[in-house]
Amino acid sequence: MLATASHPGVAASALLPTLSAARQQQLAAAIGKLVHELHALGFRDRNLDLRNLLVESTPDSFRIAKIDSGRFRLQRPGNPADALAEADWQRLLPQLPPHLAIIARGAGGG
């Protein structure tokens, strides 16, 4: 509760439907980029849900904070394509409309 009270954003699950199509695409790309970056660093969330991504929207970008990562695992950095990383994607992507899932998955090159 402390993180949600101190972060100026709202859950991605609540924000996404309120955005224009273009902004939805931008947010999907920002989420995908964040996930790719976390995976490249060796972080595997294992609880990767839109409701656990707090998003602060600015006119030209999004600032995203990940909360509720009590099941996380750390792997050796550099291999963003292991089974736990894929499990993160398989949990997250069905929460997005298909066209946004494609954008998210491709945002970081994976």
PDB file of N, CA and C in Angstrom:
ATOM      1  N   MET A   1       0.814  -1.190   0.000  1.00  0.00           N
ATOM      2  CA  MET A   1       0.000   0.000   0.000  1.00  0.00           C
ATOM      3  C   MET A   1       0.861   1.258   0.000  1.00  0.00           C
ATOM      4  N   LEU A   2       2.017   1.210   0.623  1.00  0.00           N
ATOM      5  CA  LEU A   2       2.897   2.370   0.675  1.00  0.00           C
ATOM      6  C   LEU A   2       3.313   2.807  -0.727  1.00  0.00           C
ATOM      7  N   ALA A   3       3.693   1.841  -1.581  1.00  0.00           N
ATOM      8  CA  ALA A   3       4.121   2.196  -2.940  1.00  0.00           C
ATOM      9  C   ALA A   3       2.975   2.798  -3.732  1.00  0.00           C
ATOM     10  N   THR A   4       1.795   2.239  -3.610  1.00  0.00           N
ATOM     11  CA  THR A   4       0.678   2.775  -4.386  1.00  0.00           C
ATOM     12  C   THR A   4       0.265   4.147  -3.888  1.00  0.00           C
ATOM     13  N   ALA A   5       0.454   4.421  -2.604  1.00  0.00           N
ATOM     14  CA  ALA A   5       0.104   5.735  -2.064  1.00  0.00           C
ATOM     15  C   ALA A   5       1.125   6.792  -2.461  1.00  0.00           C
ATOM     16  N   SER A   6       2.391   6.408  -2.600  1.00  0.00           N
ATOM     17  CA  SER A   6       3.422   7.395  -2.880  1.00  0.00           C
ATOM     18  C   SER A   6       3.688   7.583  -4.379  1.00  0.00           C
ATOM     19  N   HIS A   7       3.291   6.645  -5.216  1.00  0.00           N
ATOM     20  CA  HIS A   7       3.523   6.763  -6.654  1.00  0.00           C
ATOM     21  C   HIS A   7       2.369   7.548  -7.281  1.00  0.00           C
ATOM     22  N   PRO A   8       2.667   8.505  -8.147  1.00  0.00           N
ATOM     23  CA  PRO A   8       1.614   9.349  -8.712  1.00  0.00           C
ATOM     24  C   PRO A   8       0.777   8.682  -9.802  1.00  0.00           C
ATOM     25  N   GLY A   9       1.063   7.443 -10.150  1.00  0.00           N
ATOM     26  CA  GLY A   9       0.373   6.795 -11.253  1.00  0.00           C
ATOM     27  C   GLY A   9      -0.812   5.956 -10.830  1.00  0.00           C
ATOM     28  N   VAL A  10      -1.401   5.315 -11.826  1.00  0.00           N
ATOM     29  CA  VAL A  10      -2.516   4.397 -11.625  1.00  0.00           C
ATOM     30  C   VAL A  10      -2.166   3.060 -12.269  1.00  0.00           C
ATOM     31  N   ALA A  11      -2.886   2.021 -11.888  1.00  0.00           N
ATOM     32  CA  ALA A  11      -2.636   0.693 -12.445  1.00  0.00           C
ATOM     33  C   ALA A  11      -2.828   0.709 -13.958  1.00  0.00           C
ATOM     34  N   ALA A  12      -1.937   0.044 -14.671  1.00  0.00           N
ATOM     35  CA  ALA A  12      -2.037  -0.029 -16.133  1.00  0.00           C
ATOM     36  C   ALA A  12      -3.371  -0.626 -16.552  1.00  0.00           C
ATOM     37  N   SER A  13      -3.891  -1.560 -15.776  1.00  0.00           N
ATOM     38  CA  SER A  13      -5.173  -2.186 -16.111  1.00  0.00           C
ATOM     39  C   SER A  13      -6.314  -1.171 -16.091  1.00  0.00           C
ATOM     40  N   ALA A  14      -6.232  -0.168 -15.226  1.00  0.00           N
ATOM     41  CA  ALA A  14      -7.265   0.869 -15.153  1.00  0.00           C
ATOM     42  C   ALA A  14      -7.023   1.971 -16.173  1.00  0.00           C
ATOM     43  N   LEU A  15      -5.763   2.294 -16.431  1.00  0.00           N
ATOM     44  CA  LEU A  15      -5.441   3.396 -17.341  1.00  0.00           C
ATOM     45  C   LEU A  15      -5.637   3.025 -18.805  1.00  0.00           C
ATOM     46  N   LEU A  16      -5.230   1.849 -19.184  1.00  0.00           N
ATOM     47  CA  LEU A  16      -5.212   1.454 -20.597  1.00  0.00           C
ATOM     48  C   LEU A  16      -6.542   1.698 -21.316  1.00  0.00           C
ATOM     49  N   PRO A  17      -7.681   1.295 -20.760  1.00  0.00           N
ATOM     50  CA  PRO A  17      -8.938   1.506 -21.503  1.00  0.00           C
ATOM     51  C   PRO A  17      -9.341   2.970 -21.654  1.00  0.00           C
ATOM     52  N   THR A  18      -8.740   3.855 -20.903  1.00  0.00           N
ATOM     53  CA  THR A  18      -9.107   5.278 -20.968  1.00  0.00           C
ATOM     54  C   THR A  18      -8.297   6.043 -22.008  1.00  0.00           C
ATOM     55  N   LEU A  19      -7.291   5.415 -22.569  1.00  0.00           N
ATOM     56  CA  LEU A  19      -6.382   6.085 -23.502  1.00  0.00           C
ATOM     57  C   LEU A  19      -6.864   5.973 -24.941  1.00  0.00           C
ATOM     58  N   SER A  20      -6.441   6.917 -25.763  1.00  0.00           N
ATOM     59  CA  SER A  20      -6.694   6.824 -27.202  1.00  0.00           C
ATOM     60  C   SER A  20      -5.922   5.630 -27.757  1.00  0.00           C
ATOM     61  N   ALA A  21      -6.265   5.205 -28.948  1.00  0.00           N
ATOM     62  CA  ALA A  21      -5.583   4.063 -29.563  1.00  0.00           C
ATOM     63  C   ALA A  21      -4.080   4.307 -29.683  1.00  0.00           C
ATOM     64  N   ALA A  22      -3.696   5.516 -30.063  1.00  0.00           N
ATOM     65  CA  ALA A  22      -2.269   5.829 -30.207  1.00  0.00           C
ATOM     66  C   ALA A  22      -1.556   5.766 -28.854  1.00  0.00           C
ATOM     67  N   ARG A  23      -2.187   6.295 -27.828  1.00  0.00           N
ATOM     68  CA  ARG A  23      -1.563   6.259 -26.488  1.00  0.00           C
ATOM     69  C   ARG A  23      -1.543   4.838 -25.941  1.00  0.00           C
ATOM     70  N   GLN A  24      -2.536   4.020 -26.260  1.00  0.00           N
ATOM     71  CA  GLN A  24      -2.506   2.619 -25.856  1.00  0.00           C
ATOM     72  C   GLN A  24      -1.298   1.923 -26.464  1.00  0.00           C
ATOM     73  N   GLN A  25      -1.026   2.212 -27.723  1.00  0.00           N
ATOM     74  CA  GLN A  25       0.138   1.624 -28.385  1.00  0.00           C
ATOM     75  C   GLN A  25       1.437   2.091 -27.724  1.00  0.00           C
ATOM     76  N   GLN A  26       1.502   3.367 -27.378  1.00  0.00           N
ATOM     77  CA  GLN A  26       2.692   3.890 -26.696  1.00  0.00           C
ATOM     78  C   GLN A  26       2.878   3.224 -25.333  1.00  0.00           C
ATOM     79  N   LEU A  27       1.785   3.043 -24.598  1.00  0.00           N
ATOM     80  CA  LEU A  27       1.887   2.403 -23.291  1.00  0.00           C
ATOM     81  C   LEU A  27       2.292   0.935 -23.434  1.00  0.00           C
ATOM     82  N   ALA A  28       1.726   0.239 -24.404  1.00  0.00           N
ATOM     83  CA  ALA A  28       2.111  -1.155 -24.635  1.00  0.00           C
ATOM     84  C   ALA A  28       3.602  -1.256 -24.945  1.00  0.00           C
ATOM     85  N   ALA A  29       4.109  -0.340 -25.754  1.00  0.00           N
ATOM     86  CA  ALA A  29       5.541  -0.333 -26.077  1.00  0.00           C
ATOM     87  C   ALA A  29       6.378  -0.041 -24.836  1.00  0.00           C
ATOM     88  N   ALA A  30       5.927   0.886 -23.994  1.00  0.00           N
ATOM     89  CA  ALA A  30       6.660   1.211 -22.767  1.00  0.00           C
ATOM     90  C   ALA A  30       6.670   0.031 -21.804  1.00  0.00           C
ATOM     91  N   ILE A  31       5.547  -0.663 -21.697  1.00  0.00           N
ATOM     92  CA  ILE A  31       5.487  -1.852 -20.838  1.00  0.00           C
ATOM     93  C   ILE A  31       6.421  -2.927 -21.380  1.00  0.00           C
ATOM     94  N   GLY A  32       6.367  -3.159 -22.673  1.00  0.00           N
ATOM     95  CA  GLY A  32       7.249  -4.158 -23.277  1.00  0.00           C
ATOM     96  C   GLY A  32       8.713  -3.834 -23.088  1.00  0.00           C
ATOM     97  N   LYS A  33       9.062  -2.570 -23.251  1.00  0.00           N
ATOM     98  CA  LYS A  33      10.456  -2.144 -23.054  1.00  0.00           C
ATOM     99  C   LYS A  33      10.889  -2.391 -21.614  1.00  0.00           C
ATOM    100  N   LEU A  34      10.030  -2.069 -20.657  1.00  0.00           N
ATOM    101  CA  LEU A  34      10.353  -2.311 -19.247  1.00  0.00           C
ATOM    102  C   LEU A  34      10.571  -3.795 -18.979  1.00  0.00           C
ATOM    103  N   VAL A  35       9.685  -4.634 -19.481  1.00  0.00           N
ATOM    104  CA  VAL A  35       9.816  -6.084 -19.260  1.00  0.00           C
ATOM    105  C   VAL A  35      11.103  -6.603 -19.879  1.00  0.00           C
ATOM    106  N   HIS A  36      11.401  -6.184 -21.104  1.00  0.00           N
ATOM    107  CA  HIS A  36      12.650  -6.609 -21.743  1.00  0.00           C
ATOM    108  C   HIS A  36      13.864  -6.166 -20.919  1.00  0.00           C
ATOM    109  N   GLU A  37      13.835  -4.937 -20.419  1.00  0.00           N
ATOM    110  CA  GLU A  37      14.956  -4.435 -19.610  1.00  0.00           C
ATOM    111  C   GLU A  37      15.104  -5.230 -18.312  1.00  0.00           C
ATOM    112  N   LEU A  38      13.995  -5.501 -17.647  1.00  0.00           N
ATOM    113  CA  LEU A  38      14.054  -6.296 -16.412  1.00  0.00           C
ATOM    114  C   LEU A  38      14.610  -7.687 -16.693  1.00  0.00           C
ATOM    115  N   HIS A  39      14.142  -8.309 -17.756  1.00  0.00           N
ATOM    116  CA  HIS A  39      14.629  -9.646 -18.106  1.00  0.00           C
ATOM    117  C   HIS A  39      16.116  -9.627 -18.454  1.00  0.00           C
ATOM    118  N   ALA A  40      16.563  -8.617 -19.175  1.00  0.00           N
ATOM    119  CA  ALA A  40      17.985  -8.522 -19.522  1.00  0.00           C
ATOM    120  C   ALA A  40      18.863  -8.387 -18.279  1.00  0.00           C
ATOM    121  N   LEU A  41      18.301  -7.761 -17.234  1.00  0.00           N
ATOM    122  CA  LEU A  41      19.038  -7.611 -15.976  1.00  0.00           C
ATOM    123  C   LEU A  41      18.983  -8.865 -15.102  1.00  0.00           C
ATOM    124  N   GLY A  42      18.185  -9.846 -15.513  1.00  0.00           N
ATOM    125  CA  GLY A  42      18.085 -11.089 -14.773  1.00  0.00           C
ATOM    126  C   GLY A  42      16.886 -11.175 -13.837  1.00  0.00           C
ATOM    127  N   PHE A  43      16.002 -10.197 -13.880  1.00  0.00           N
ATOM    128  CA  PHE A  43      14.835 -10.186 -12.996  1.00  0.00           C
ATOM    129  C   PHE A  43      13.683 -10.932 -13.649  1.00  0.00           C
ATOM    130  N   ARG A  44      13.132 -11.898 -12.939  1.00  0.00           N
ATOM    131  CA  ARG A  44      11.949 -12.639 -13.377  1.00  0.00           C
ATOM    132  C   ARG A  44      10.869 -12.392 -12.342  1.00  0.00           C
ATOM    133  N   ASP A  45       9.791 -11.788 -12.742  1.00  0.00           N
ATOM    134  CA  ASP A  45       8.780 -11.315 -11.795  1.00  0.00           C
ATOM    135  C   ASP A  45       7.908 -12.423 -11.233  1.00  0.00           C
ATOM    136  N   ARG A  46       7.389 -13.265 -12.084  1.00  0.00           N
ATOM    137  CA  ARG A  46       6.495 -14.367 -11.726  1.00  0.00           C
ATOM    138  C   ARG A  46       5.141 -13.899 -11.201  1.00  0.00           C
ATOM    139  N   ASN A  47       4.855 -12.600 -11.301  1.00  0.00           N
ATOM    140  CA  ASN A  47       3.560 -12.028 -10.935  1.00  0.00           C
ATOM    141  C   ASN A  47       3.325 -10.802 -11.816  1.00  0.00           C
ATOM    142  N   LEU A  48       3.538 -10.977 -13.096  1.00  0.00           N
ATOM    143  CA  LEU A  48       3.542  -9.852 -14.033  1.00  0.00           C
ATOM    144  C   LEU A  48       2.133  -9.594 -14.555  1.00  0.00           C
ATOM    145  N   ASP A  49       1.424  -8.752 -13.840  1.00  0.00           N
ATOM    146  CA  ASP A  49       0.053  -8.406 -14.182  1.00  0.00           C
ATOM    147  C   ASP A  49      -0.051  -6.909 -14.431  1.00  0.00           C
ATOM    148  N   LEU A  50      -0.967  -6.513 -15.304  1.00  0.00           N
ATOM    149  CA  LEU A  50      -1.179  -5.091 -15.566  1.00  0.00           C
ATOM    150  C   LEU A  50      -1.545  -4.334 -14.300  1.00  0.00           C
ATOM    151  N   ARG A  51      -2.272  -4.968 -13.410  1.00  0.00           N
ATOM    152  CA  ARG A  51      -2.673  -4.286 -12.170  1.00  0.00           C
ATOM    153  C   ARG A  51      -1.474  -3.976 -11.272  1.00  0.00           C
ATOM    154  N   ASN A  52      -0.345  -4.655 -11.507  1.00  0.00           N
ATOM    155  CA  ASN A  52       0.865  -4.454 -10.710  1.00  0.00           C
ATOM    156  C   ASN A  52       1.872  -3.526 -11.389  1.00  0.00           C
ATOM    157  N   LEU A  53       1.437  -2.834 -12.403  1.00  0.00           N
ATOM    158  CA  LEU A  53       2.259  -1.827 -13.073  1.00  0.00           C
ATOM    159  C   LEU A  53       1.594  -0.480 -12.852  1.00  0.00           C
ATOM    160  N   LEU A  54       2.221   0.380 -12.063  1.00  0.00           N
ATOM    161  CA  LEU A  54       1.687   1.717 -11.823  1.00  0.00           C
ATOM    162  C   LEU A  54       2.253   2.653 -12.879  1.00  0.00           C
ATOM    163  N   VAL A  55       1.375   3.367 -13.550  1.00  0.00           N
ATOM    164  CA  VAL A  55       1.773   4.187 -14.694  1.00  0.00           C
ATOM    165  C   VAL A  55       1.458   5.647 -14.415  1.00  0.00           C
ATOM    166  N   GLU A  56       2.478   6.452 -14.601  1.00  0.00           N
ATOM    167  CA  GLU A  56       2.308   7.907 -14.583  1.00  0.00           C
ATOM    168  C   GLU A  56       2.406   8.374 -16.029  1.00  0.00           C
ATOM    169  N   SER A  57       1.378   9.045 -16.480  1.00  0.00           N
ATOM    170  CA  SER A  57       1.315   9.489 -17.862  1.00  0.00           C
ATOM    171  C   SER A  57       1.738  10.943 -17.965  1.00  0.00           C
ATOM    172  N   THR A  58       2.633  11.226 -18.912  1.00  0.00           N
ATOM    173  CA  THR A  58       2.985  12.595 -19.271  1.00  0.00           C
ATOM    174  C   THR A  58       2.582  12.767 -20.730  1.00  0.00           C
ATOM    175  N   PRO A  59       2.571  13.981 -21.251  1.00  0.00           N
ATOM    176  CA  PRO A  59       2.124  14.166 -22.641  1.00  0.00           C
ATOM    177  C   PRO A  59       2.905  13.356 -23.677  1.00  0.00           C
ATOM    178  N   ASP A  60       4.181  13.071 -23.413  1.00  0.00           N
ATOM    179  CA  ASP A  60       4.969  12.372 -24.428  1.00  0.00           C
ATOM    180  C   ASP A  60       5.591  11.060 -23.971  1.00  0.00           C
ATOM    181  N   SER A  61       5.292  10.608 -22.745  1.00  0.00           N
ATOM    182  CA  SER A  61       5.883   9.352 -22.290  1.00  0.00           C
ATOM    183  C   SER A  61       5.090   8.778 -21.116  1.00  0.00           C
ATOM    184  N   PHE A  62       5.573   7.653 -20.638  1.00  0.00           N
ATOM    185  CA  PHE A  62       4.997   7.006 -19.465  1.00  0.00           C
ATOM    186  C   PHE A  62       6.121   6.644 -18.506  1.00  0.00           C
ATOM    187  N   ARG A  63       5.857   6.783 -17.241  1.00  0.00           N
ATOM    188  CA  ARG A  63       6.778   6.327 -16.187  1.00  0.00           C
ATOM    189  C   ARG A  63       6.073   5.168 -15.499  1.00  0.00           C
ATOM    190  N   ILE A  64       6.726   4.009 -15.449  1.00  0.00           N
ATOM    191  CA  ILE A  64       6.091   2.799 -14.941  1.00  0.00           C
ATOM    192  C   ILE A  64       6.860   2.280 -13.727  1.00  0.00           C
ATOM    193  N   ALA A  65       6.127   1.935 -12.684  1.00  0.00           N
ATOM    194  CA  ALA A  65       6.704   1.320 -11.493  1.00  0.00           C
ATOM    195  C   ALA A  65       6.094  -0.064 -11.327  1.00  0.00           C
ATOM    196  N   LYS A  66       6.915  -1.054 -11.083  1.00  0.00           N
ATOM    197  CA  LYS A  66       6.444  -2.429 -10.858  1.00  0.00           C
ATOM    198  C   LYS A  66       6.268  -2.632  -9.361  1.00  0.00           C
ATOM    199  N   ILE A  67       5.100  -3.109  -8.952  1.00  0.00           N
ATOM    200  CA  ILE A  67       4.849  -3.408  -7.544  1.00  0.00           C
ATOM    201  C   ILE A  67       4.470  -4.880  -7.402  1.00  0.00           C
ATOM    202  N   ASP A  68       4.434  -5.356  -6.185  1.00  0.00           N
ATOM    203  CA  ASP A  68       3.993  -6.714  -5.840  1.00  0.00           C
ATOM    204  C   ASP A  68       4.792  -7.775  -6.587  1.00  0.00           C
ATOM    205  N   SER A  69       6.057  -7.868  -6.254  1.00  0.00           N
ATOM    206  CA  SER A  69       6.942  -8.857  -6.873  1.00  0.00           C
ATOM    207  C   SER A  69       7.431  -9.861  -5.838  1.00  0.00           C
ATOM    208  N   GLY A  70       6.541 -10.334  -5.011  1.00  0.00           N
ATOM    209  CA  GLY A  70       6.906 -11.238  -3.930  1.00  0.00           C
ATOM    210  C   GLY A  70       7.397 -12.606  -4.369  1.00  0.00           C
ATOM    211  N   ARG A  71       7.161 -12.979  -5.617  1.00  0.00           N
ATOM    212  CA  ARG A  71       7.583 -14.295  -6.114  1.00  0.00           C
ATOM    213  C   ARG A  71       8.776 -14.198  -7.069  1.00  0.00           C
ATOM    214  N   PHE A  72       9.440 -13.051  -7.102  1.00  0.00           N
ATOM    215  CA  PHE A  72      10.500 -12.825  -8.096  1.00  0.00           C
ATOM    216  C   PHE A  72      11.661 -13.812  -7.936  1.00  0.00           C
ATOM    217  N   ARG A  73      12.392 -13.968  -9.009  1.00  0.00           N
ATOM    218  CA  ARG A  73      13.632 -14.745  -9.032  1.00  0.00           C
ATOM    219  C   ARG A  73      14.676 -13.930  -9.781  1.00  0.00           C
ATOM    220  N   LEU A  74      15.925 -14.116  -9.404  1.00  0.00           N
ATOM    221  CA  LEU A  74      17.028 -13.472 -10.113  1.00  0.00           C
ATOM    222  C   LEU A  74      17.801 -14.537 -10.866  1.00  0.00           C
ATOM    223  N   GLN A  75      18.102 -14.238 -12.108  1.00  0.00           N
ATOM    224  CA  GLN A  75      18.896 -15.106 -12.964  1.00  0.00           C
ATOM    225  C   GLN A  75      20.176 -14.358 -13.327  1.00  0.00           C
ATOM    226  N   ARG A  76      21.080 -15.057 -13.928  1.00  0.00           N
ATOM    227  CA  ARG A  76      22.280 -14.404 -14.437  1.00  0.00           C
ATOM    228  C   ARG A  76      21.866 -13.415 -15.535  1.00  0.00           C
ATOM    229  N   PRO A  77      22.301 -12.157 -15.449  1.00  0.00           N
ATOM    230  CA  PRO A  77      21.939 -11.170 -16.475  1.00  0.00           C
ATOM    231  C   PRO A  77      22.450 -11.572 -17.853  1.00  0.00           C
ATOM    232  N   GLY A  78      21.769 -11.090 -18.864  1.00  0.00           N
ATOM    233  CA  GLY A  78      22.243 -11.272 -20.224  1.00  0.00           C
ATOM    234  C   GLY A  78      21.449 -12.262 -21.055  1.00  0.00           C
ATOM    235  N   ASN A  79      20.690 -13.163 -20.438  1.00  0.00           N
ATOM    236  CA  ASN A  79      19.884 -14.118 -21.199  1.00  0.00           C
ATOM    237  C   ASN A  79      18.415 -13.860 -20.912  1.00  0.00           C
ATOM    238  N   PRO A  80      17.791 -12.982 -21.684  1.00  0.00           N
ATOM    239  CA  PRO A  80      16.396 -12.631 -21.401  1.00  0.00           C
ATOM    240  C   PRO A  80      15.375 -13.626 -21.936  1.00  0.00           C
ATOM    241  N   ALA A  81      15.807 -14.811 -22.365  1.00  0.00           N
ATOM    242  CA  ALA A  81      14.885 -15.728 -23.033  1.00  0.00           C
ATOM    243  C   ALA A  81      14.822 -17.104 -22.374  1.00  0.00           C
ATOM    244  N   ASP A  82      14.839 -17.182 -21.058  1.00  0.00           N
ATOM    245  CA  ASP A  82      14.722 -18.472 -20.401  1.00  0.00           C
ATOM    246  C   ASP A  82      13.264 -18.777 -20.065  1.00  0.00           C
ATOM    247  N   ALA A  83      13.023 -19.920 -19.453  1.00  0.00           N
ATOM    248  CA  ALA A  83      11.644 -20.359 -19.181  1.00  0.00           C
ATOM    249  C   ALA A  83      10.898 -19.408 -18.247  1.00  0.00           C
ATOM    250  N   LEU A  84      11.566 -18.855 -17.246  1.00  0.00           N
ATOM    251  CA  LEU A  84      10.888 -17.939 -16.333  1.00  0.00           C
ATOM    252  C   LEU A  84      10.533 -16.622 -17.018  1.00  0.00           C
ATOM    253  N   ALA A  85      11.408 -16.143 -17.891  1.00  0.00           N
ATOM    254  CA  ALA A  85      11.102 -14.933 -18.657  1.00  0.00           C
ATOM    255  C   ALA A  85       9.904 -15.193 -19.570  1.00  0.00           C
ATOM    256  N   GLU A  86       9.901 -16.332 -20.221  1.00  0.00           N
ATOM    257  CA  GLU A  86       8.774 -16.674 -21.098  1.00  0.00           C
ATOM    258  C   GLU A  86       7.482 -16.796 -20.287  1.00  0.00           C
ATOM    259  N   ALA A  87       7.566 -17.333 -19.083  1.00  0.00           N
ATOM    260  CA  ALA A  87       6.376 -17.430 -18.218  1.00  0.00           C
ATOM    261  C   ALA A  87       5.846 -16.042 -17.864  1.00  0.00           C
ATOM    262  N   ASP A  88       6.751 -15.088 -17.640  1.00  0.00           N
ATOM    263  CA  ASP A  88       6.309 -13.708 -17.401  1.00  0.00           C
ATOM    264  C   ASP A  88       5.493 -13.199 -18.591  1.00  0.00           C
ATOM    265  N   TRP A  89       6.023 -13.398 -19.790  1.00  0.00           N
ATOM    266  CA  TRP A  89       5.318 -12.951 -20.995  1.00  0.00           C
ATOM    267  C   TRP A  89       3.971 -13.656 -21.134  1.00  0.00           C
ATOM    268  N   GLN A  90       3.948 -14.960 -20.871  1.00  0.00           N
ATOM    269  CA  GLN A  90       2.710 -15.716 -21.022  1.00  0.00           C
ATOM    270  C   GLN A  90       1.646 -15.285 -20.013  1.00  0.00           C
ATOM    271  N   ARG A  91       2.065 -14.744 -18.902  1.00  0.00           N
ATOM    272  CA  ARG A  91       1.111 -14.215 -17.925  1.00  0.00           C
ATOM    273  C   ARG A  91       0.622 -12.818 -18.346  1.00  0.00           C
ATOM    274  N   LEU A  92       1.540 -11.984 -18.838  1.00  0.00           N
ATOM    275  CA  LEU A  92       1.207 -10.596 -19.166  1.00  0.00           C
ATOM    276  C   LEU A  92       0.422 -10.445 -20.462  1.00  0.00           C
ATOM    277  N   LEU A  93       0.869 -11.071 -21.520  1.00  0.00           N
ATOM    278  CA  LEU A  93       0.327 -10.796 -22.854  1.00  0.00           C
ATOM    279  C   LEU A  93      -1.177 -11.053 -22.991  1.00  0.00           C
ATOM    280  N   PRO A  94      -1.756 -12.094 -22.387  1.00  0.00           N
ATOM    281  CA  PRO A  94      -3.203 -12.288 -22.514  1.00  0.00           C
ATOM    282  C   PRO A  94      -4.032 -11.179 -21.853  1.00  0.00           C
ATOM    283  N   GLN A  95      -3.411 -10.363 -21.025  1.00  0.00           N
ATOM    284  CA  GLN A  95      -4.117  -9.258 -20.382  1.00  0.00           C
ATOM    285  C   GLN A  95      -4.256  -8.049 -21.303  1.00  0.00           C
ATOM    286  N   LEU A  96      -3.565  -8.092 -22.423  1.00  0.00           N
ATOM    287  CA  LEU A  96      -3.602  -7.011 -23.409  1.00  0.00           C
ATOM    288  C   LEU A  96      -4.410  -7.447 -24.626  1.00  0.00           C
ATOM    289  N   PRO A  97      -5.075  -6.497 -25.276  1.00  0.00           N
ATOM    290  CA  PRO A  97      -5.690  -6.846 -26.563  1.00  0.00           C
ATOM    291  C   PRO A  97      -4.594  -7.360 -27.506  1.00  0.00           C
ATOM    292  N   PRO A  98      -4.922  -8.297 -28.407  1.00  0.00           N
ATOM    293  CA  PRO A  98      -3.886  -8.918 -29.245  1.00  0.00           C
ATOM    294  C   PRO A  98      -2.966  -7.935 -29.977  1.00  0.00           C
ATOM    295  N   HIS A  99      -3.519  -6.851 -30.537  1.00  0.00           N
ATOM    296  CA  HIS A  99      -2.659  -5.914 -31.270  1.00  0.00           C
ATOM    297  C   HIS A  99      -1.685  -5.197 -30.332  1.00  0.00           C
ATOM    298  N   LEU A 100      -2.063  -4.990 -29.077  1.00  0.00           N
ATOM    299  CA  LEU A 100      -1.155  -4.361 -28.112  1.00  0.00           C
ATOM    300  C   LEU A 100      -0.152  -5.375 -27.562  1.00  0.00           C
ATOM    301  N   ALA A 101      -0.553  -6.634 -27.458  1.00  0.00           N
ATOM    302  CA  ALA A 101       0.381  -7.671 -27.013  1.00  0.00           C
ATOM    303  C   ALA A 101       1.539  -7.800 -27.997  1.00  0.00           C
ATOM    304  N   ILE A 102       1.239  -7.699 -29.277  1.00  0.00           N
ATOM    305  CA  ILE A 102       2.291  -7.778 -30.310  1.00  0.00           C
ATOM    306  C   ILE A 102       3.263  -6.607 -30.150  1.00  0.00           C
ATOM    307  N   ILE A 103       2.735  -5.433 -29.910  1.00  0.00           N
ATOM    308  CA  ILE A 103       3.576  -4.247 -29.711  1.00  0.00           C
ATOM    309  C   ILE A 103       4.441  -4.410 -28.475  1.00  0.00           C
ATOM    310  N   ALA A 104       3.843  -4.863 -27.374  1.00  0.00           N
ATOM    311  CA  ALA A 104       4.591  -5.027 -26.131  1.00  0.00           C
ATOM    312  C   ALA A 104       5.723  -6.036 -26.302  1.00  0.00           C
ATOM    313  N   ARG A 105       5.415  -7.188 -26.863  1.00  0.00           N
ATOM    314  CA  ARG A 105       6.417  -8.241 -27.007  1.00  0.00           C
ATOM    315  C   ARG A 105       7.565  -7.783 -27.900  1.00  0.00           C
ATOM    316  N   GLY A 106       7.263  -7.009 -28.921  1.00  0.00           N
ATOM    317  CA  GLY A 106       8.292  -6.575 -29.850  1.00  0.00           C
ATOM    318  C   GLY A 106       9.052  -5.327 -29.425  1.00  0.00           C
ATOM    319  N   ALA A 107       8.614  -4.675 -28.360  1.00  0.00           N
ATOM    320  CA  ALA A 107       9.200  -3.377 -27.975  1.00  0.00           C
ATOM    321  C   ALA A 107      10.664  -3.445 -27.597  1.00  0.00           C
ATOM    322  N   GLY A 108      11.090  -4.533 -27.065  1.00  0.00           N
ATOM    323  CA  GLY A 108      12.485  -4.617 -26.649  1.00  0.00           C
ATOM    324  C   GLY A 108      13.301  -5.550 -27.518  1.00  0.00           C
ATOM    325  N   GLY A 109      12.736  -5.998 -28.604  1.00  0.00           N
ATOM    326  CA  GLY A 109      13.485  -6.837 -29.526  1.00  0.00           C
ATOM    327  C   GLY A 109      13.238  -8.314 -29.335  1.00  0.00           C
ATOM    328  N   GLY A 110      12.224  -8.707 -28.547  1.00  0.00           N
ATOM    329  CA  GLY A 110      12.035 -10.134 -28.331  1.00  0.00           C
ATOM    330  C   GLY A 110      10.770 -10.689 -28.694  1.00  0.00           C
TER     331      GLY A 110
END
